[in-house]
Amino acid sequence: MSSPLSLTILGCHSASPKANAHPTSQVLELRGHIFLIDCGEGTQVRLRKSKVKFSRIKHIFISHLHGDHIFGLVGLISTFGMMKRTEKLHVYGPKGIKELILTQLKITASFTTYPIEFIELSNDESEVVFEDEKVRVSTIPLEHRIYANGYLFQEVNPPRKLNLPLLEDLGVDKVYYGKLQKGSDVEHENKLIKSDDVCFVESPKSYAFCSDTVYRPQIVPLIKDVFLLYHEATFLETEADLCQKTKHSTALQAATIANAANAKHLILGHFSARYNDLTMFVSEAKQVFENVELAETLKRFYFE
């Protein structure tokens, strides 16, 4: 069956950290992978609170080099070293991220015990930056005040799911279930049970992370039919005049992208500190897209 998708929000507010408003970071779990996406200040503390095992983080994706998305990274990398990590860490982000991190490590004498591979990005077109037999990750070019990318995580080769009611009706012994799920036909009571007749594949899960960016309809073809979309919503429409200046989006604009992309679910985040009532973001977004929720620190979204 298509594997569960889990997204844990470690921070979802813009600009400076506050007591209850943390900068952007999140953890995506898909097909056995744990991907860290952005790493604002204080990320590793909230990783602890969310009980994510540090040793399982092998890939970190950074959208852009503004502090509220990266100032927690060198601290996390340093902590990995103090934990005597030996496994390679892969860090994806804009060109300059390698110099930024290695300079901080060098000046603070925070030497690592493990190799770090930096995959520096500068392409203005979407490109695949990671792929294995289970997951593919592509960039989503965004438009911000500096070079920025979102990321599209797509499940590939989803596992086959058994049609259990049919198998029970046929009286097939459970000892054959494993072979059938792997694609092999089996003999049962002098009858050939074909794997394709008793198995099916669900639609693969996908997740698109889009923060920070001005309203950018050009991304819609890249995220068409995405299962779960996180899109920044720094402002409400009452402050839409600030979007072009700051290169951010409103809740209505985020919902418009979700609707055009035929997304199944939308999560709004990156809220400006000027707003005390975040429910207004949901009300605004629901004008054009119904299935919308708010990001919230340490909130976990889980989809079977």
Protein backbone atom coordinates (compact mmCIF):
# COMPACT_ATOMS: atom_id res chain seq x y z
CA MET A 1 0.00 0.00 0.00
CA SER A 2 1.02 3.62 -0.39
CA SER A 3 2.98 4.42 2.74
CA PRO A 4 1.86 6.87 5.41
CA LEU A 5 3.06 10.45 5.15
CA SER A 6 3.85 12.33 8.34
CA LEU A 7 4.76 16.00 8.66
CA THR A 8 5.83 17.52 11.98
CA ILE A 9 5.98 21.30 12.24
CA LEU A 10 8.98 22.47 14.29
CA GLY A 11 8.43 26.14 13.52
CA CYS A 12 6.09 28.09 11.26
CA HIS A 13 6.47 31.80 11.94
CA SER A 14 8.41 34.49 10.14
CA ALA A 15 11.24 36.80 11.23
CA SER A 16 12.51 36.79 14.83
CA PRO A 17 11.83 33.91 17.23
CA LYS A 18 9.52 34.61 20.16
CA ALA A 19 8.47 32.60 23.20
CA ASN A 20 5.68 30.87 21.29
CA ALA A 21 6.55 31.72 17.70
CA HIS A 22 9.41 29.75 16.18
CA PRO A 23 11.02 30.16 12.76
CA THR A 24 10.60 27.68 9.93
CA SER A 25 11.58 24.05 10.24
CA GLN A 26 9.77 20.77 9.74
CA VAL A 27 10.29 17.03 9.55
CA LEU A 28 8.83 14.90 6.78
CA GLU A 29 8.61 11.12 7.16
CA LEU A 30 8.02 9.16 3.95
CA ARG A 31 8.93 5.60 2.95
CA GLY A 32 11.42 5.11 5.76
CA HIS A 33 13.14 8.46 5.23
CA ILE A 34 13.23 11.32 7.71
CA PHE A 35 13.85 14.58 5.87
CA LEU A 36 14.56 17.82 7.73
CA ILE A 37 13.27 20.84 5.80
CA ASP A 38 14.75 24.22 6.76
CA CYS A 39 16.45 24.74 10.10
CA GLY A 40 15.54 27.97 11.84
CA GLU A 41 16.94 28.93 15.22
CA GLY A 42 16.08 26.43 17.97
CA THR A 43 15.29 23.57 15.61
CA GLN A 44 17.26 20.94 17.51
CA VAL A 45 15.45 21.72 20.76
CA ARG A 46 12.09 21.15 19.07
CA LEU A 47 13.46 18.02 17.40
CA ARG A 48 14.04 16.72 20.93
CA LYS A 49 10.52 17.64 21.97
CA SER A 50 9.08 15.86 18.94
CA LYS A 51 11.20 12.76 19.78
CA VAL A 52 12.85 12.58 16.36
CA LYS A 53 16.01 10.48 16.48
CA PHE A 54 18.93 12.64 15.33
CA SER A 55 20.68 9.61 13.87
CA ARG A 56 17.87 9.08 11.37
CA ILE A 57 18.32 12.50 9.78
CA LYS A 58 20.47 11.93 6.69
CA HIS A 59 19.14 14.62 4.36
CA ILE A 60 18.54 18.30 5.16
CA PHE A 61 16.87 20.59 2.62
CA ILE A 62 17.31 24.36 2.98
CA SER A 63 15.06 26.65 0.94
CA HIS A 64 17.16 29.84 1.15
CA LEU A 65 19.82 31.52 3.24
CA HIS A 66 17.75 33.94 5.32
CA GLY A 67 18.45 33.49 9.02
CA ASP A 68 14.98 32.36 10.04
CA HIS A 69 15.46 29.32 7.79
CA ILE A 70 19.11 28.40 8.47
CA PHE A 71 20.48 29.84 11.72
CA GLY A 72 19.81 26.57 13.55
CA LEU A 73 21.78 24.44 11.09
CA VAL A 74 25.34 24.93 12.33
CA GLY A 75 24.23 24.15 15.88
CA LEU A 76 22.56 20.95 14.76
CA ILE A 77 25.60 19.91 12.73
CA SER A 78 27.81 20.59 15.74
CA THR A 79 25.56 18.50 17.98
CA PHE A 80 25.76 15.62 15.52
CA GLY A 81 29.54 15.77 16.00
CA MET A 82 29.28 15.74 19.79
CA MET A 83 27.10 12.65 19.47
CA LYS A 84 29.99 10.93 17.61
CA ARG A 85 28.02 10.57 14.43
CA THR A 86 29.86 8.70 11.67
CA GLU A 87 27.26 8.48 8.89
CA LYS A 88 27.40 11.00 6.04
CA LEU A 89 25.02 13.97 6.16
CA HIS A 90 23.63 15.40 2.91
CA VAL A 91 22.78 19.11 2.93
CA TYR A 92 20.90 20.64 0.00
CA GLY A 93 20.64 24.40 -0.38
CA PRO A 94 21.57 27.51 -2.36
CA LYS A 95 25.11 28.14 -3.49
CA GLY A 96 27.03 29.58 -0.56
CA ILE A 97 25.64 27.21 2.07
CA LYS A 98 28.87 25.20 2.19
CA GLU A 99 31.03 28.28 2.84
CA LEU A 100 28.55 29.56 5.42
CA ILE A 101 28.53 26.35 7.47
CA LEU A 102 32.20 25.39 7.15
CA THR A 103 33.33 28.90 8.09
CA GLN A 104 31.28 28.80 11.28
CA LEU A 105 32.58 25.35 12.14
CA LYS A 106 36.17 26.39 11.50
CA ILE A 107 36.06 29.63 13.50
CA THR A 108 34.35 27.95 16.46
CA ALA A 109 36.59 24.86 16.27
CA SER A 110 33.47 22.71 16.03
CA PHE A 111 34.99 19.89 14.04
CA THR A 112 32.72 17.10 12.85
CA THR A 113 33.25 13.37 13.25
CA TYR A 114 31.43 12.55 10.02
CA PRO A 115 31.47 13.61 6.35
CA ILE A 116 29.10 16.29 5.07
CA GLU A 117 28.12 16.46 1.43
CA PHE A 118 26.82 19.85 0.34
CA ILE A 119 24.64 19.84 -2.77
CA GLU A 120 24.63 23.50 -3.76
CA LEU A 121 21.82 24.75 -5.98
CA SER A 122 21.75 27.65 -8.43
CA ASN A 123 19.40 26.47 -11.19
CA ASP A 124 16.38 28.62 -11.96
CA GLU A 125 14.59 25.59 -13.40
CA SER A 126 13.22 22.62 -11.48
CA GLU A 127 15.69 19.76 -11.08
CA VAL A 128 15.84 16.41 -9.31
CA VAL A 129 18.26 16.66 -6.39
CA PHE A 130 17.68 13.29 -4.71
CA GLU A 131 16.25 9.98 -5.85
CA ASP A 132 16.30 6.38 -4.69
CA GLU A 133 13.96 3.44 -5.22
CA LYS A 134 11.33 4.93 -2.89
CA VAL A 135 11.41 8.75 -3.04
CA ARG A 136 12.26 11.49 -5.53
CA VAL A 137 12.94 15.10 -4.49
CA SER A 138 12.79 17.97 -6.97
CA THR A 139 13.24 21.71 -6.54
CA ILE A 140 10.40 24.19 -6.92
CA PRO A 141 11.90 27.54 -8.06
CA LEU A 142 10.42 30.33 -5.95
CA GLU A 143 10.63 34.12 -6.09
CA HIS A 144 11.92 35.76 -2.94
CA ARG A 145 14.34 38.57 -2.08
CA ILE A 146 17.21 36.13 -2.51
CA TYR A 147 17.56 32.86 -4.44
CA ALA A 148 15.08 30.35 -3.06
CA ASN A 149 13.63 26.93 -3.79
CA GLY A 150 10.77 24.91 -2.48
CA TYR A 151 10.96 21.12 -2.63
CA LEU A 152 8.62 18.46 -4.00
CA PHE A 153 8.87 15.05 -2.32
CA GLN A 154 7.27 12.26 -4.35
CA GLU A 155 6.78 8.62 -3.47
CA VAL A 156 7.93 6.34 -6.31
CA ASN A 157 7.22 2.65 -6.78
CA PRO A 158 4.60 2.52 -4.01
CA PRO A 159 4.16 -0.95 -2.50
CA ARG A 160 1.36 -3.17 -3.73
CA LYS A 161 -1.63 -3.57 -1.44
CA LEU A 162 -3.51 -6.85 -1.02
CA ASN A 163 -7.25 -6.98 -1.64
CA LEU A 164 -7.91 -8.78 1.63
CA PRO A 165 -11.71 -9.19 1.28
CA LEU A 166 -11.20 -10.84 -2.13
CA LEU A 167 -8.47 -13.13 -0.82
CA GLU A 168 -10.71 -14.19 2.05
CA ASP A 169 -13.59 -14.88 -0.35
CA LEU A 170 -11.26 -17.02 -2.46
CA GLY A 171 -10.09 -18.84 0.63
CA VAL A 172 -6.42 -18.22 -0.12
CA ASP A 173 -4.15 -19.25 2.73
CA LYS A 174 -2.30 -16.35 4.38
CA VAL A 175 0.98 -18.16 3.78
CA TYR A 176 0.75 -17.00 0.16
CA TYR A 177 0.08 -13.32 0.92
CA GLY A 178 3.73 -12.32 0.90
CA LYS A 179 4.40 -13.82 -2.52
CA LEU A 180 1.27 -12.29 -4.00
CA GLN A 181 2.13 -8.86 -2.65
CA LYS A 182 5.58 -9.10 -4.22
CA GLY A 183 4.04 -9.83 -7.63
CA SER A 184 4.26 -13.63 -7.81
CA ASP A 185 1.33 -15.81 -8.88
CA VAL A 186 0.51 -18.83 -6.69
CA GLU A 187 -1.31 -22.17 -7.04
CA HIS A 188 -4.22 -22.62 -4.65
CA GLU A 189 -6.58 -25.63 -4.76
CA ASN A 190 -5.56 -26.35 -8.36
CA LYS A 191 -6.30 -22.78 -9.38
CA LEU A 192 -3.83 -20.09 -10.40
CA ILE A 193 -4.21 -16.98 -8.27
CA LYS A 194 -2.71 -14.08 -10.20
CA SER A 195 -1.04 -11.36 -8.18
CA ASP A 196 -2.43 -8.62 -10.43
CA ASP A 197 -5.97 -9.86 -9.77
CA VAL A 198 -5.71 -9.66 -5.98
CA CYS A 199 -3.40 -6.64 -5.55
CA PHE A 200 -3.60 -2.97 -6.37
CA VAL A 201 -1.43 0.11 -6.04
CA GLU A 202 -2.75 3.27 -4.42
CA SER A 203 -1.89 6.71 -5.73
CA PRO A 204 1.61 7.68 -4.52
CA LYS A 205 1.90 10.28 -1.79
CA SER A 206 3.57 13.63 -2.49
CA TYR A 207 4.42 16.73 -0.48
CA ALA A 208 5.29 20.21 -1.74
CA PHE A 209 7.05 22.72 0.53
CA CYS A 210 6.79 26.34 -0.68
CA SER A 211 8.29 28.97 1.59
CA ASP A 212 9.22 31.88 1.14
CA THR A 213 7.79 33.27 -2.07
CA VAL A 214 5.67 35.91 -3.69
CA TYR A 215 2.51 34.62 -5.41
CA ARG A 216 3.93 32.55 -8.26
CA PRO A 217 1.46 30.71 -10.55
CA GLN A 218 4.43 29.33 -12.52
CA ILE A 219 4.87 26.64 -9.85
CA VAL A 220 1.43 25.13 -10.44
CA PRO A 221 2.50 22.72 -13.23
CA LEU A 222 5.37 21.50 -11.03
CA ILE A 223 3.07 20.55 -8.15
CA LYS A 224 -0.01 19.48 -10.12
CA ASP A 225 -2.19 17.00 -8.16
CA VAL A 226 0.11 17.16 -5.13
CA PHE A 227 -1.29 15.31 -2.11
CA LEU A 228 -0.13 17.77 0.56
CA LEU A 229 0.95 21.37 0.01
CA TYR A 230 2.60 23.67 2.54
CA HIS A 231 2.53 27.23 1.27
CA GLU A 232 3.64 30.33 3.07
CA ALA A 233 0.95 32.83 4.07
CA THR A 234 2.80 35.67 5.70
CA PHE A 235 -0.01 38.19 5.24
CA LEU A 236 -3.75 38.52 4.89
CA GLU A 237 -5.27 40.28 1.89
CA THR A 238 -5.66 43.45 3.98
CA GLU A 239 -1.85 43.74 3.83
CA ALA A 240 -1.45 42.44 0.26
CA ASP A 241 0.39 45.64 -0.67
CA LEU A 242 3.36 44.36 1.39
CA CYS A 243 3.75 41.19 -0.65
CA GLN A 244 5.59 42.63 -3.62
CA LYS A 245 7.96 44.59 -1.39
CA THR A 246 8.80 41.68 0.89
CA LYS A 247 8.27 38.87 -1.68
CA HIS A 248 5.74 37.02 0.42
CA SER A 249 2.19 35.72 -0.10
CA THR A 250 -1.26 36.05 1.43
CA ALA A 251 -3.48 33.24 2.64
CA LEU A 252 -5.81 33.81 -0.31
CA GLN A 253 -2.91 33.59 -2.76
CA ALA A 254 -1.67 30.35 -1.16
CA ALA A 255 -5.16 28.88 -1.45
CA THR A 256 -5.37 30.00 -5.08
CA ILE A 257 -2.17 28.04 -5.80
CA ALA A 258 -3.58 24.98 -4.02
CA ASN A 259 -6.82 25.18 -5.99
CA ALA A 260 -5.07 25.62 -9.34
CA ALA A 261 -2.73 22.70 -8.57
CA ASN A 262 -5.63 20.45 -7.55
CA ALA A 263 -3.91 19.77 -4.23
CA LYS A 264 -5.67 17.46 -1.81
CA HIS A 265 -4.64 19.27 1.38
CA LEU A 266 -3.18 22.72 2.16
CA ILE A 267 -1.22 23.80 5.23
CA LEU A 268 -0.60 27.51 5.76
CA GLY A 269 2.48 28.81 7.60
CA HIS A 270 5.16 31.51 7.95
CA PHE A 271 2.77 33.89 9.67
CA SER A 272 3.72 37.51 10.32
CA ALA A 273 3.91 38.44 14.01
CA ARG A 274 1.46 41.29 13.39
CA TYR A 275 -1.50 38.89 13.59
CA ASN A 276 -2.92 37.65 16.88
CA ASP A 277 -5.86 35.69 15.44
CA LEU A 278 -4.55 33.13 12.97
CA THR A 279 -8.01 31.70 12.33
CA MET A 280 -8.48 34.61 9.93
CA PHE A 281 -5.97 32.88 7.63
CA VAL A 282 -8.20 29.82 7.39
CA SER A 283 -11.30 31.93 6.74
CA GLU A 284 -9.55 33.81 3.97
CA ALA A 285 -8.11 30.69 2.33
CA LYS A 286 -11.43 28.84 2.40
CA GLN A 287 -12.86 31.38 0.01
CA VAL A 288 -11.17 29.40 -2.77
CA PHE A 289 -9.92 26.15 -1.20
CA GLU A 290 -11.80 24.17 1.42
CA ASN A 291 -9.35 21.60 2.79
CA VAL A 292 -6.97 23.95 4.63
CA GLU A 293 -5.28 23.82 8.05
CA LEU A 294 -2.86 26.00 9.98
CA ALA A 295 0.68 25.00 10.81
CA GLU A 296 1.41 25.00 14.53
CA THR A 297 4.64 24.33 16.41
CA LEU A 298 4.99 20.61 17.24
CA LYS A 299 1.75 19.79 15.41
CA ARG A 300 1.92 16.53 13.47
CA PHE A 301 -0.04 15.92 10.30
CA TYR A 302 -0.46 12.22 9.51
CA PHE A 303 -1.96 10.68 6.41
CA GLU A 304 -2.44 6.96 5.75
